[in-house]
Amino acid sequence: MPTTPDPGSEPPARTPRPPPLTPGLSPQPALHALSPQLLLLLFLAVSSLGSCSTGSPVPVPENDLVGIVGGHNAPPGKWPWQVSLRVYSYHWASWAHICGGSLIHPQWVLTAAHCIFWKDTDPSIYRIHAGDVYLYGGRGLLNVSRIIVHPNYVTAGLGADVALLQLEPHDLSNVRTVKLSPVSLELTPKDQCWVTGWGAIIRKESLPPPYRLQQASVQVLENAVCEQPYRNASGHTGDRQLILDDMLCAGSEGRDSCYGDSGGPLVCRLRGSWRLVGVVSWGYGCTLRDFPGVYTHVQIYVPWILQQVGELP
């Protein structure tokens, strides 16, 4: 939580009160079976046990892991498409970070479907923070007018972990969109790729104040390379793949995305420009040996994205 709460605007009128929790990378694949509704109920039960004194800085709850493991501070303006997805926490009386996202159009954010609590969620319970490397900077929050969750999404481990958020008109001038990776372009381990976010810097340690955006270079791996360790760890012996065709793996020794980075961008330098190739989705812990992070493979969903958004910049 920020030392100075980010009120943004009045809390949503509807009764749902999403938690300031980070759906991020699960500590084990089995946890993907937990629905957002169950996570919400669990949080509400826990948050009702505590209280926050008026006028004091809002503390960071122990389980609210809001950086990149093995990363370092991102320079201002280097990743201008990175955004923070917020929900209003009545417990902390502020708009709290739950996930990352990417501006792919001045009015559209691409994020992970598991960051959305329900497919028919009222858009007014979300806000977008953009244009600042500091998570709780002084800039105003943007309203969300529409949410589109991929129709095939069930849970992150089953793929289609992608969603679009349409923004209400805004006048932010210091943001820039990121280009999507062309469908025909093939990624290789030699490509220069980076993941960014405000998530945990180690599994149980939140990003400390001043909550600056973190970046880490990672290597894209062939799906077959990470299929076997995930299969071994889960005890899965069936024919069904765990790392599906609409997923990709990326990571490097000691560098990985973690809790709170979900929905954020994996970008690679391709044909002279940065391209969005992945959306942080799931994984086994953070930076565990032989277990790279698993991302939604954006290329697979370019046709669907264009169908919803229309022409992109």
C-alpha atoms as a PDB file:
ATOM      1  CA  MET A   1       0.000   0.000   0.000  1.00  0.00           C
ATOM      2  CA  PRO A   2       1.131   3.570  -0.557  1.00  0.00           C
ATOM      3  CA  THR A   3       2.313   5.772   2.253  1.00  0.00           C
ATOM      4  CA  THR A   4      -0.068   8.345   0.760  1.00  0.00           C
ATOM      5  CA  PRO A   5      -3.314   6.672  -0.367  1.00  0.00           C
ATOM      6  CA  ASP A   6      -4.394   7.278  -3.941  1.00  0.00           C
ATOM      7  CA  PRO A   7      -8.103   8.142  -3.638  1.00  0.00           C
ATOM      8  CA  GLY A   8      -8.523   8.779  -7.369  1.00  0.00           C
ATOM      9  CA  SER A   9     -12.283   9.267  -7.183  1.00  0.00           C
ATOM     10  CA  GLU A  10     -15.306   8.163  -5.235  1.00  0.00           C
ATOM     11  CA  PRO A  11     -15.614   4.419  -4.597  1.00  0.00           C
ATOM     12  CA  PRO A  12     -17.910   2.478  -6.937  1.00  0.00           C
ATOM     13  CA  ALA A  13     -21.578   2.431  -6.034  1.00  0.00           C
ATOM     14  CA  ARG A  14     -22.041  -1.296  -6.388  1.00  0.00           C
ATOM     15  CA  THR A  15     -21.633  -3.612  -3.428  1.00  0.00           C
ATOM     16  CA  PRO A  16     -18.711  -5.780  -4.630  1.00  0.00           C
ATOM     17  CA  ARG A  17     -15.524  -4.785  -2.824  1.00  0.00           C
ATOM     18  CA  PRO A  18     -12.592  -6.406  -4.617  1.00  0.00           C
ATOM     19  CA  PRO A  19      -9.554  -7.032  -2.436  1.00  0.00           C
ATOM     20  CA  PRO A  20      -6.138  -5.388  -2.797  1.00  0.00           C
ATOM     21  CA  LEU A  21      -4.667  -8.791  -3.474  1.00  0.00           C
ATOM     22  CA  THR A  22      -2.456  -9.845  -6.300  1.00  0.00           C
ATOM     23  CA  PRO A  23      -3.663 -12.858  -8.309  1.00  0.00           C
ATOM     24  CA  GLY A  24      -0.141 -13.117  -9.831  1.00  0.00           C
ATOM     25  CA  LEU A  25       1.849 -16.280 -10.275  1.00  0.00           C
ATOM     26  CA  SER A  26       0.565 -19.118  -8.133  1.00  0.00           C
ATOM     27  CA  PRO A  27       2.925 -20.979  -5.810  1.00  0.00           C
ATOM     28  CA  GLN A  28       1.689 -24.195  -7.356  1.00  0.00           C
ATOM     29  CA  PRO A  29      -0.376 -24.984 -10.450  1.00  0.00           C
ATOM     30  CA  ALA A  30      -3.213 -26.457  -8.364  1.00  0.00           C
ATOM     31  CA  LEU A  31      -4.044 -23.003  -6.971  1.00  0.00           C
ATOM     32  CA  HIS A  32      -5.305 -21.950 -10.381  1.00  0.00           C
ATOM     33  CA  ALA A  33      -8.493 -23.807  -9.534  1.00  0.00           C
ATOM     34  CA  LEU A  34      -9.379 -21.057  -7.032  1.00  0.00           C
ATOM     35  CA  SER A  35     -11.996 -18.807  -8.594  1.00  0.00           C
ATOM     36  CA  PRO A  36     -11.780 -15.013  -8.323  1.00  0.00           C
ATOM     37  CA  GLN A  37     -15.073 -15.145  -6.401  1.00  0.00           C
ATOM     38  CA  LEU A  38     -13.534 -17.451  -3.778  1.00  0.00           C
ATOM     39  CA  LEU A  39     -10.431 -15.277  -3.539  1.00  0.00           C
ATOM     40  CA  LEU A  40     -12.690 -12.280  -3.006  1.00  0.00           C
ATOM     41  CA  LEU A  41     -14.646 -13.991  -0.225  1.00  0.00           C
ATOM     42  CA  LEU A  42     -11.446 -15.133   1.453  1.00  0.00           C
ATOM     43  CA  PHE A  43     -10.053 -11.622   1.389  1.00  0.00           C
ATOM     44  CA  LEU A  44     -13.211 -10.040   2.745  1.00  0.00           C
ATOM     45  CA  ALA A  45     -13.208 -12.524   5.621  1.00  0.00           C
ATOM     46  CA  VAL A  46      -9.591 -11.698   6.458  1.00  0.00           C
ATOM     47  CA  SER A  47      -9.855  -7.932   6.014  1.00  0.00           C
ATOM     48  CA  SER A  48     -12.831  -7.718   8.363  1.00  0.00           C
ATOM     49  CA  LEU A  49     -10.523  -8.780  11.202  1.00  0.00           C
ATOM     50  CA  GLY A  50      -8.359  -5.651  10.988  1.00  0.00           C
ATOM     51  CA  SER A  51      -8.769  -1.906  10.965  1.00  0.00           C
ATOM     52  CA  CYS A  52      -6.891   1.151   9.758  1.00  0.00           C
ATOM     53  CA  SER A  53      -6.512   4.245  11.914  1.00  0.00           C
ATOM     54  CA  THR A  54      -7.557   7.549  10.384  1.00  0.00           C
ATOM     55  CA  GLY A  55      -4.730   9.845   9.372  1.00  0.00           C
ATOM     56  CA  SER A  56      -1.970   7.262   9.546  1.00  0.00           C
ATOM     57  CA  PRO A  57      -0.056   5.920   6.523  1.00  0.00           C
ATOM     58  CA  VAL A  58      -1.738   2.953   4.900  1.00  0.00           C
ATOM     59  CA  PRO A  59       0.385  -0.117   5.737  1.00  0.00           C
ATOM     60  CA  VAL A  60       1.279  -2.934   3.393  1.00  0.00           C
ATOM     61  CA  PRO A  61      -0.735  -6.002   4.390  1.00  0.00           C
ATOM     62  CA  GLU A  62       1.466  -9.035   4.852  1.00  0.00           C
ATOM     63  CA  ASN A  63      -0.223 -10.984   2.074  1.00  0.00           C
ATOM     64  CA  ASP A  64      -0.558  -8.059  -0.334  1.00  0.00           C
ATOM     65  CA  LEU A  65       2.452  -8.662  -2.507  1.00  0.00           C
ATOM     66  CA  VAL A  66       2.625  -5.612  -4.654  1.00  0.00           C
ATOM     67  CA  GLY A  67       8.437  -5.874  -8.690  1.00  0.00           C
ATOM     68  CA  ILE A  68      10.044  -8.200 -10.638  1.00  0.00           C
ATOM     69  CA  VAL A  69      12.403 -10.726  -9.037  1.00  0.00           C
ATOM     70  CA  GLY A  70      16.035 -10.009  -9.925  1.00  0.00           C
ATOM     71  CA  GLY A  71      15.130  -6.760 -11.646  1.00  0.00           C
ATOM     72  CA  HIS A  72      16.118  -3.142 -11.196  1.00  0.00           C
ATOM     73  CA  ASN A  73      14.537   0.298 -11.403  1.00  0.00           C
ATOM     74  CA  ALA A  74      13.037   1.143 -14.776  1.00  0.00           C
ATOM     75  CA  PRO A  75      14.100   4.515 -16.251  1.00  0.00           C
ATOM     76  CA  PRO A  76      11.272   7.050 -16.613  1.00  0.00           C
ATOM     77  CA  GLY A  77       9.612   6.808 -20.012  1.00  0.00           C
ATOM     78  CA  LYS A  78      11.253   3.545 -21.087  1.00  0.00           C
ATOM     79  CA  TRP A  79       8.072   1.451 -20.827  1.00  0.00           C
ATOM     80  CA  PRO A  80       5.326   4.089 -21.314  1.00  0.00           C
ATOM     81  CA  TRP A  81       2.647   1.485 -22.041  1.00  0.00           C
ATOM     82  CA  GLN A  82       2.854  -0.128 -18.590  1.00  0.00           C
ATOM     83  CA  VAL A  83      -0.230   0.454 -16.448  1.00  0.00           C
ATOM     84  CA  SER A  84      -1.497  -0.616 -13.040  1.00  0.00           C
ATOM     85  CA  LEU A  85      -4.965  -2.109 -12.667  1.00  0.00           C
ATOM     86  CA  ARG A  86      -6.654  -1.010  -9.430  1.00  0.00           C
ATOM     87  CA  VAL A  87      -9.705  -1.932  -7.385  1.00  0.00           C
ATOM     88  CA  TYR A  88     -11.101   0.052  -4.492  1.00  0.00           C
ATOM     89  CA  SER A  89     -10.289  -1.378  -1.081  1.00  0.00           C
ATOM     90  CA  TYR A  90     -12.770  -0.282   1.551  1.00  0.00           C
ATOM     91  CA  HIS A  91     -10.458  -1.773   4.151  1.00  0.00           C
ATOM     92  CA  TRP A  92      -7.511   0.420   3.125  1.00  0.00           C
ATOM     93  CA  ALA A  93      -9.675   3.286   1.810  1.00  0.00           C
ATOM     94  CA  SER A  94      -7.692   3.611  -1.405  1.00  0.00           C
ATOM     95  CA  TRP A  95      -7.456   2.272  -4.924  1.00  0.00           C
ATOM     96  CA  ALA A  96      -5.127  -0.716  -4.625  1.00  0.00           C
ATOM     97  CA  HIS A  97      -2.900  -2.328  -7.261  1.00  0.00           C
ATOM     98  CA  ILE A  98      -3.874  -5.884  -8.209  1.00  0.00           C
ATOM     99  CA  CYS A  99      -2.345  -6.411 -11.665  1.00  0.00           C
ATOM    100  CA  GLY A 100      -0.356  -4.894 -14.488  1.00  0.00           C
ATOM    101  CA  GLY A 101      -1.458  -4.226 -18.041  1.00  0.00           C
ATOM    102  CA  SER A 102      -0.364  -2.731 -21.361  1.00  0.00           C
ATOM    103  CA  LEU A 103      -1.761   0.143 -23.387  1.00  0.00           C
ATOM    104  CA  ILE A 104      -2.193  -1.233 -26.899  1.00  0.00           C
ATOM    105  CA  HIS A 105      -4.382   1.696 -27.985  1.00  0.00           C
ATOM    106  CA  PRO A 106      -5.003   5.084 -26.323  1.00  0.00           C
ATOM    107  CA  GLN A 107      -8.365   3.721 -25.154  1.00  0.00           C
ATOM    108  CA  TRP A 108      -7.561   0.023 -24.624  1.00  0.00           C
ATOM    109  CA  VAL A 109      -5.560  -1.957 -22.056  1.00  0.00           C
ATOM    110  CA  LEU A 110      -4.563  -5.597 -22.514  1.00  0.00           C
ATOM    111  CA  THR A 111      -4.276  -7.603 -19.292  1.00  0.00           C
ATOM    112  CA  ALA A 112      -4.782 -11.131 -17.960  1.00  0.00           C
ATOM    113  CA  ALA A 113      -8.288 -12.543 -17.699  1.00  0.00           C
ATOM    114  CA  HIS A 114      -7.560 -13.851 -14.205  1.00  0.00           C
ATOM    115  CA  CYS A 115      -7.191 -10.240 -13.051  1.00  0.00           C
ATOM    116  CA  ILE A 116     -10.921  -9.762 -13.663  1.00  0.00           C
ATOM    117  CA  PHE A 117     -13.100 -11.067 -10.846  1.00  0.00           C
ATOM    118  CA  TRP A 118     -16.088 -12.050 -12.997  1.00  0.00           C
ATOM    119  CA  LYS A 119     -16.684 -12.029 -16.747  1.00  0.00           C
ATOM    120  CA  ASP A 120     -19.652  -9.697 -16.235  1.00  0.00           C
ATOM    121  CA  THR A 121     -17.906  -7.468 -13.687  1.00  0.00           C
ATOM    122  CA  ASP A 122     -19.098  -3.870 -13.554  1.00  0.00           C
ATOM    123  CA  PRO A 123     -16.264  -1.829 -15.165  1.00  0.00           C
ATOM    124  CA  SER A 124     -16.747   0.948 -12.603  1.00  0.00           C
ATOM    125  CA  ILE A 125     -15.024  -1.097  -9.885  1.00  0.00           C
ATOM    126  CA  TYR A 126     -11.699  -0.787 -11.738  1.00  0.00           C
ATOM    127  CA  ARG A 127      -9.313   2.093 -12.324  1.00  0.00           C
ATOM    128  CA  ILE A 128      -6.143   2.395 -14.419  1.00  0.00           C
ATOM    129  CA  HIS A 129      -2.971   4.188 -13.303  1.00  0.00           C
ATOM    130  CA  ALA A 130      -0.774   5.157 -16.279  1.00  0.00           C
ATOM    131  CA  GLY A 131       2.120   7.382 -17.233  1.00  0.00           C
ATOM    132  CA  ASP A 132       4.271   7.041 -14.107  1.00  0.00           C
ATOM    133  CA  VAL A 133       7.063   4.699 -13.000  1.00  0.00           C
ATOM    134  CA  TYR A 134       5.922   5.166  -9.403  1.00  0.00           C
ATOM    135  CA  LEU A 135       3.019   2.942  -8.479  1.00  0.00           C
ATOM    136  CA  TYR A 136       1.349   5.500  -6.247  1.00  0.00           C
ATOM    137  CA  GLY A 137       2.360   8.704  -7.986  1.00  0.00           C
ATOM    138  CA  GLY A 138       0.231  11.811  -7.950  1.00  0.00           C
ATOM    139  CA  ARG A 139      -1.405  11.334 -11.335  1.00  0.00           C
ATOM    140  CA  GLY A 140      -5.150  10.825 -11.535  1.00  0.00           C
ATOM    141  CA  LEU A 141      -6.720   7.463 -12.228  1.00  0.00           C
ATOM    142  CA  LEU A 142      -8.507   6.566 -15.455  1.00  0.00           C
ATOM    143  CA  ASN A 143     -12.003   5.109 -15.503  1.00  0.00           C
ATOM    144  CA  VAL A 144     -12.807   1.827 -17.248  1.00  0.00           C
ATOM    145  CA  SER A 145     -15.949   1.824 -19.394  1.00  0.00           C
ATOM    146  CA  ARG A 146     -15.967  -1.739 -20.734  1.00  0.00           C
ATOM    147  CA  ILE A 147     -14.397  -5.122 -19.996  1.00  0.00           C
ATOM    148  CA  ILE A 148     -14.032  -7.969 -22.500  1.00  0.00           C
ATOM    149  CA  VAL A 149     -12.773 -11.293 -21.161  1.00  0.00           C
ATOM    150  CA  HIS A 150     -11.843 -13.898 -23.759  1.00  0.00           C
ATOM    151  CA  PRO A 151     -14.840 -16.241 -24.094  1.00  0.00           C
ATOM    152  CA  ASN A 152     -12.657 -19.358 -23.777  1.00  0.00           C
ATOM    153  CA  TYR A 153     -11.125 -18.339 -20.454  1.00  0.00           C
ATOM    154  CA  VAL A 154     -11.813 -20.607 -17.475  1.00  0.00           C
ATOM    155  CA  THR A 155      -8.633 -20.418 -15.407  1.00  0.00           C
ATOM    156  CA  ALA A 156      -5.051 -19.337 -16.148  1.00  0.00           C
ATOM    157  CA  GLY A 157      -3.692 -22.868 -16.391  1.00  0.00           C
ATOM    158  CA  LEU A 158      -6.167 -23.707 -19.163  1.00  0.00           C
ATOM    159  CA  GLY A 159      -5.192 -20.847 -21.459  1.00  0.00           C
ATOM    160  CA  ALA A 160      -7.026 -17.901 -23.028  1.00  0.00           C
ATOM    161  CA  ASP A 161      -5.830 -15.816 -20.062  1.00  0.00           C
ATOM    162  CA  VAL A 162      -6.387 -12.489 -21.749  1.00  0.00           C
ATOM    163  CA  ALA A 163      -8.806  -9.588 -21.322  1.00  0.00           C
ATOM    164  CA  LEU A 164      -9.342  -6.098 -22.712  1.00  0.00           C
ATOM    165  CA  LEU A 165     -10.346  -2.975 -20.798  1.00  0.00           C
ATOM    166  CA  GLN A 166     -11.720   0.029 -22.641  1.00  0.00           C
ATOM    167  CA  LEU A 167     -10.949   3.384 -21.042  1.00  0.00           C
ATOM    168  CA  GLU A 168     -13.135   6.432 -20.843  1.00  0.00           C
ATOM    169  CA  PRO A 169     -11.752   9.415 -22.814  1.00  0.00           C
ATOM    170  CA  HIS A 170      -8.682  10.941 -21.172  1.00  0.00           C
ATOM    171  CA  ASP A 171      -6.028  13.562 -21.901  1.00  0.00           C
ATOM    172  CA  LEU A 172      -2.849  11.864 -20.667  1.00  0.00           C
ATOM    173  CA  SER A 173      -0.030  12.952 -22.947  1.00  0.00           C
ATOM    174  CA  ASN A 174       2.887  11.092 -21.376  1.00  0.00           C
ATOM    175  CA  VAL A 175       1.718   7.582 -22.269  1.00  0.00           C
ATOM    176  CA  ARG A 176       2.463   5.590 -25.403  1.00  0.00           C
ATOM    177  CA  THR A 177       1.058   2.394 -26.806  1.00  0.00           C
ATOM    178  CA  VAL A 178       3.003  -0.778 -27.504  1.00  0.00           C
ATOM    179  CA  LYS A 179       2.818  -2.625 -30.803  1.00  0.00           C
ATOM    180  CA  LEU A 180       1.626  -6.206 -30.896  1.00  0.00           C
ATOM    181  CA  SER A 181       3.929  -8.881 -32.235  1.00  0.00           C
ATOM    182  CA  PRO A 182       3.031  -9.835 -35.825  1.00  0.00           C
ATOM    183  CA  VAL A 183       1.368 -13.234 -36.121  1.00  0.00           C
ATOM    184  CA  SER A 184       3.987 -14.383 -38.625  1.00  0.00           C
ATOM    185  CA  LEU A 185       7.008 -13.426 -36.506  1.00  0.00           C
ATOM    186  CA  GLU A 186       8.781 -16.304 -34.774  1.00  0.00           C
ATOM    187  CA  LEU A 187      10.414 -15.738 -31.389  1.00  0.00           C
ATOM    188  CA  THR A 188      13.821 -17.207 -30.578  1.00  0.00           C
ATOM    189  CA  PRO A 189      15.930 -17.426 -27.389  1.00  0.00           C
ATOM    190  CA  LYS A 190      18.259 -14.855 -28.975  1.00  0.00           C
ATOM    191  CA  ASP A 191      15.624 -12.108 -28.942  1.00  0.00           C
ATOM    192  CA  GLN A 192      16.100  -9.283 -26.433  1.00  0.00           C
ATOM    193  CA  CYS A 193      13.091  -9.459 -24.094  1.00  0.00           C
ATOM    194  CA  TRP A 194      12.069  -7.671 -20.904  1.00  0.00           C
ATOM    195  CA  VAL A 195       9.329  -8.080 -18.330  1.00  0.00           C
ATOM    196  CA  THR A 196       8.159  -5.181 -16.175  1.00  0.00           C
ATOM    197  CA  GLY A 197       5.913  -4.724 -13.174  1.00  0.00           C
ATOM    198  CA  TRP A 198       5.309  -3.612  -9.616  1.00  0.00           C
ATOM    199  CA  GLY A 199       4.960  -7.096  -8.151  1.00  0.00           C
ATOM    200  CA  ALA A 200       6.895  -8.912  -5.435  1.00  0.00           C
ATOM    201  CA  ILE A 201      10.698  -8.713  -5.552  1.00  0.00           C
ATOM    202  CA  ILE A 202      10.962 -12.124  -3.906  1.00  0.00           C
ATOM    203  CA  ARG A 203       8.198 -14.571  -3.143  1.00  0.00           C
ATOM    204  CA  LYS A 204       7.221 -13.073   0.215  1.00  0.00           C
ATOM    205  CA  GLU A 205       8.640  -9.566  -0.039  1.00  0.00           C
ATOM    206  CA  SER A 206       6.656  -6.702  -1.520  1.00  0.00           C
ATOM    207  CA  LEU A 207       8.185  -3.985  -3.625  1.00  0.00           C
ATOM    208  CA  PRO A 208       9.297  -1.377  -1.041  1.00  0.00           C
ATOM    209  CA  PRO A 209       8.644   2.386  -1.176  1.00  0.00           C
ATOM    210  CA  PRO A 210       8.798   4.415  -3.329  1.00  0.00           C
ATOM    211  CA  TYR A 211       7.198   1.571  -5.349  1.00  0.00           C
ATOM    212  CA  ARG A 212       9.143   2.176  -8.547  1.00  0.00           C
ATOM    213  CA  LEU A 213       8.511   0.102 -11.658  1.00  0.00           C
ATOM    214  CA  GLN A 214      10.948  -2.798 -11.990  1.00  0.00           C
ATOM    215  CA  GLN A 215      12.401  -4.298 -15.174  1.00  0.00           C
ATOM    216  CA  ALA A 216      14.278  -7.520 -15.874  1.00  0.00           C
ATOM    217  CA  SER A 217      15.721  -9.058 -19.021  1.00  0.00           C
ATOM    218  CA  VAL A 218      14.488 -12.593 -19.626  1.00  0.00           C
ATOM    219  CA  GLN A 219      14.954 -15.253 -22.269  1.00  0.00           C
ATOM    220  CA  VAL A 220      12.072 -16.744 -24.207  1.00  0.00           C
ATOM    221  CA  LEU A 221      12.244 -20.537 -24.122  1.00  0.00           C
ATOM    222  CA  GLU A 222      10.703 -23.220 -26.274  1.00  0.00           C
ATOM    223  CA  ASN A 223       7.539 -24.585 -24.702  1.00  0.00           C
ATOM    224  CA  ALA A 224       8.948 -28.107 -24.684  1.00  0.00           C
ATOM    225  CA  VAL A 225      11.804 -26.933 -22.451  1.00  0.00           C
ATOM    226  CA  CYS A 226       9.471 -25.957 -19.609  1.00  0.00           C
ATOM    227  CA  GLU A 227       6.746 -28.546 -20.257  1.00  0.00           C
ATOM    228  CA  GLN A 228       8.690 -31.394 -18.676  1.00  0.00           C
ATOM    229  CA  PRO A 229       9.624 -29.780 -15.343  1.00  0.00           C
ATOM    230  CA  TYR A 230       6.063 -28.539 -14.865  1.00  0.00           C
ATOM    231  CA  ARG A 231       4.769 -32.002 -15.730  1.00  0.00           C
ATOM    232  CA  ASN A 232       7.167 -33.633 -13.276  1.00  0.00           C
ATOM    233  CA  ALA A 233       6.295 -31.209 -10.487  1.00  0.00           C
ATOM    234  CA  SER A 234       2.560 -31.690 -10.902  1.00  0.00           C
ATOM    235  CA  GLY A 235       2.735 -35.464 -11.273  1.00  0.00           C
ATOM    236  CA  HIS A 236       0.760 -35.116 -14.498  1.00  0.00           C
ATOM    237  CA  THR A 237       0.964 -38.269 -16.615  1.00  0.00           C
ATOM    238  CA  GLY A 238      -1.843 -37.700 -19.117  1.00  0.00           C
ATOM    239  CA  ASP A 239      -1.554 -36.674 -22.748  1.00  0.00           C
ATOM    240  CA  ARG A 240      -2.791 -33.118 -22.239  1.00  0.00           C
ATOM    241  CA  GLN A 241      -0.111 -30.445 -22.423  1.00  0.00           C
ATOM    242  CA  LEU A 242       0.421 -28.204 -19.414  1.00  0.00           C
ATOM    243  CA  ILE A 243       2.196 -25.507 -21.439  1.00  0.00           C
ATOM    244  CA  LEU A 244      -0.404 -24.992 -24.138  1.00  0.00           C
ATOM    245  CA  ASP A 245       0.105 -23.605 -27.632  1.00  0.00           C
ATOM    246  CA  ASP A 246      -1.322 -20.240 -26.578  1.00  0.00           C
ATOM    247  CA  MET A 247       1.327 -19.906 -23.859  1.00  0.00           C
ATOM    248  CA  LEU A 248       5.030 -19.152 -23.892  1.00  0.00           C
ATOM    249  CA  CYS A 249       7.740 -19.493 -21.258  1.00  0.00           C
ATOM    250  CA  ALA A 250      10.340 -16.901 -20.333  1.00  0.00           C
ATOM    251  CA  GLY A 251      12.872 -16.474 -17.565  1.00  0.00           C
ATOM    252  CA  SER A 252      16.554 -16.260 -16.751  1.00  0.00           C
ATOM    253  CA  GLU A 253      18.690 -17.305 -13.799  1.00  0.00           C
ATOM    254  CA  GLY A 254      17.407 -15.285 -10.849  1.00  0.00           C
ATOM    255  CA  ARG A 255      15.049 -13.139 -12.945  1.00  0.00           C
ATOM    256  CA  ASP A 256      11.318 -13.690 -13.247  1.00  0.00           C
ATOM    257  CA  SER A 257       7.902 -12.113 -12.880  1.00  0.00           C
ATOM    258  CA  CYS A 258       6.160 -12.700  -9.551  1.00  0.00           C
ATOM    259  CA  TYR A 259       3.017 -12.015  -7.527  1.00  0.00           C
ATOM    260  CA  GLY A 260       1.518  -8.663  -8.515  1.00  0.00           C
ATOM    261  CA  ASP A 261       3.010  -8.680 -12.021  1.00  0.00           C
ATOM    262  CA  SER A 262       0.056 -10.575 -13.502  1.00  0.00           C
ATOM    263  CA  GLY A 263      -1.401  -9.050 -16.643  1.00  0.00           C
ATOM    264  CA  GLY A 264       1.766  -7.049 -17.267  1.00  0.00           C
ATOM    265  CA  PRO A 265       3.843  -6.986 -20.440  1.00  0.00           C
ATOM    266  CA  LEU A 266       6.597  -9.190 -21.781  1.00  0.00           C
ATOM    267  CA  VAL A 267       8.126  -7.211 -24.648  1.00  0.00           C
ATOM    268  CA  CYS A 268      10.856  -8.105 -27.128  1.00  0.00           C
ATOM    269  CA  ARG A 269      12.936  -5.964 -29.462  1.00  0.00           C
ATOM    270  CA  LEU A 270      11.817  -7.179 -32.882  1.00  0.00           C
ATOM    271  CA  ARG A 271      12.432  -5.544 -36.250  1.00  0.00           C
ATOM    272  CA  GLY A 272      13.776  -2.431 -34.560  1.00  0.00           C
ATOM    273  CA  SER A 273      10.882  -1.776 -32.177  1.00  0.00           C
ATOM    274  CA  TRP A 274       9.433  -3.108 -28.948  1.00  0.00           C
ATOM    275  CA  ARG A 275       6.644  -5.615 -29.469  1.00  0.00           C
ATOM    276  CA  LEU A 276       4.239  -7.039 -26.918  1.00  0.00           C
ATOM    277  CA  VAL A 277       4.717 -10.805 -27.070  1.00  0.00           C
ATOM    278  CA  GLY A 278       3.385 -11.998 -23.714  1.00  0.00           C
ATOM    279  CA  VAL A 279       1.042 -11.254 -20.820  1.00  0.00           C
ATOM    280  CA  VAL A 280       2.159 -12.403 -17.359  1.00  0.00           C
ATOM    281  CA  SER A 281      -0.102 -15.349 -16.537  1.00  0.00           C
ATOM    282  CA  TRP A 282       1.077 -18.068 -14.130  1.00  0.00           C
ATOM    283  CA  GLY A 283       3.972 -20.190 -12.935  1.00  0.00           C
ATOM    284  CA  TYR A 284       5.399 -22.307 -10.138  1.00  0.00           C
ATOM    285  CA  GLY A 285       6.729 -19.915  -7.520  1.00  0.00           C
ATOM    286  CA  CYS A 286       9.112 -17.152  -8.605  1.00  0.00           C
ATOM    287  CA  THR A 287      12.596 -17.771 -10.071  1.00  0.00           C
ATOM    288  CA  LEU A 288      12.537 -21.415  -9.002  1.00  0.00           C
ATOM    289  CA  ARG A 289      15.173 -23.400 -10.871  1.00  0.00           C
ATOM    290  CA  ASP A 290      13.794 -25.007 -14.068  1.00  0.00           C
ATOM    291  CA  PHE A 291      10.432 -23.228 -13.691  1.00  0.00           C
ATOM    292  CA  PRO A 292      10.293 -20.143 -15.938  1.00  0.00           C
ATOM    293  CA  GLY A 293       7.257 -17.893 -15.866  1.00  0.00           C
ATOM    294  CA  VAL A 294       4.354 -18.760 -18.142  1.00  0.00           C
ATOM    295  CA  TYR A 295       2.811 -16.036 -20.296  1.00  0.00           C
ATOM    296  CA  THR A 296      -0.172 -15.763 -22.591  1.00  0.00           C
ATOM    297  CA  HIS A 297       1.231 -15.812 -26.135  1.00  0.00           C
ATOM    298  CA  VAL A 298      -0.098 -12.542 -27.549  1.00  0.00           C
ATOM    299  CA  GLN A 299       0.482 -13.515 -31.193  1.00  0.00           C
ATOM    300  CA  ILE A 300      -2.192 -16.193 -30.902  1.00  0.00           C
ATOM    301  CA  TYR A 301      -4.766 -13.612 -29.860  1.00  0.00           C
ATOM    302  CA  VAL A 302      -3.985 -10.802 -32.311  1.00  0.00           C
ATOM    303  CA  PRO A 303      -7.009 -11.659 -34.535  1.00  0.00           C
ATOM    304  CA  TRP A 304      -9.326 -11.666 -31.503  1.00  0.00           C
ATOM    305  CA  ILE A 305      -7.867  -8.402 -30.196  1.00  0.00           C
ATOM    306  CA  LEU A 306      -8.309  -6.684 -33.559  1.00  0.00           C
ATOM    307  CA  GLN A 307     -11.865  -7.975 -33.762  1.00  0.00           C
ATOM    308  CA  GLN A 308     -12.681  -6.247 -30.465  1.00  0.00           C
ATOM    309  CA  VAL A 309     -10.614  -3.088 -30.782  1.00  0.00           C
ATOM    310  CA  GLY A 310     -10.470  -2.440 -34.500  1.00  0.00           C
ATOM    311  CA  GLU A 311      -7.426  -0.770 -36.017  1.00  0.00           C
ATOM    312  CA  LEU A 312      -4.422  -0.290 -33.743  1.00  0.00           C
ATOM    313  CA  PRO A 313      -1.856   2.543 -33.891  1.00  0.00           C
END
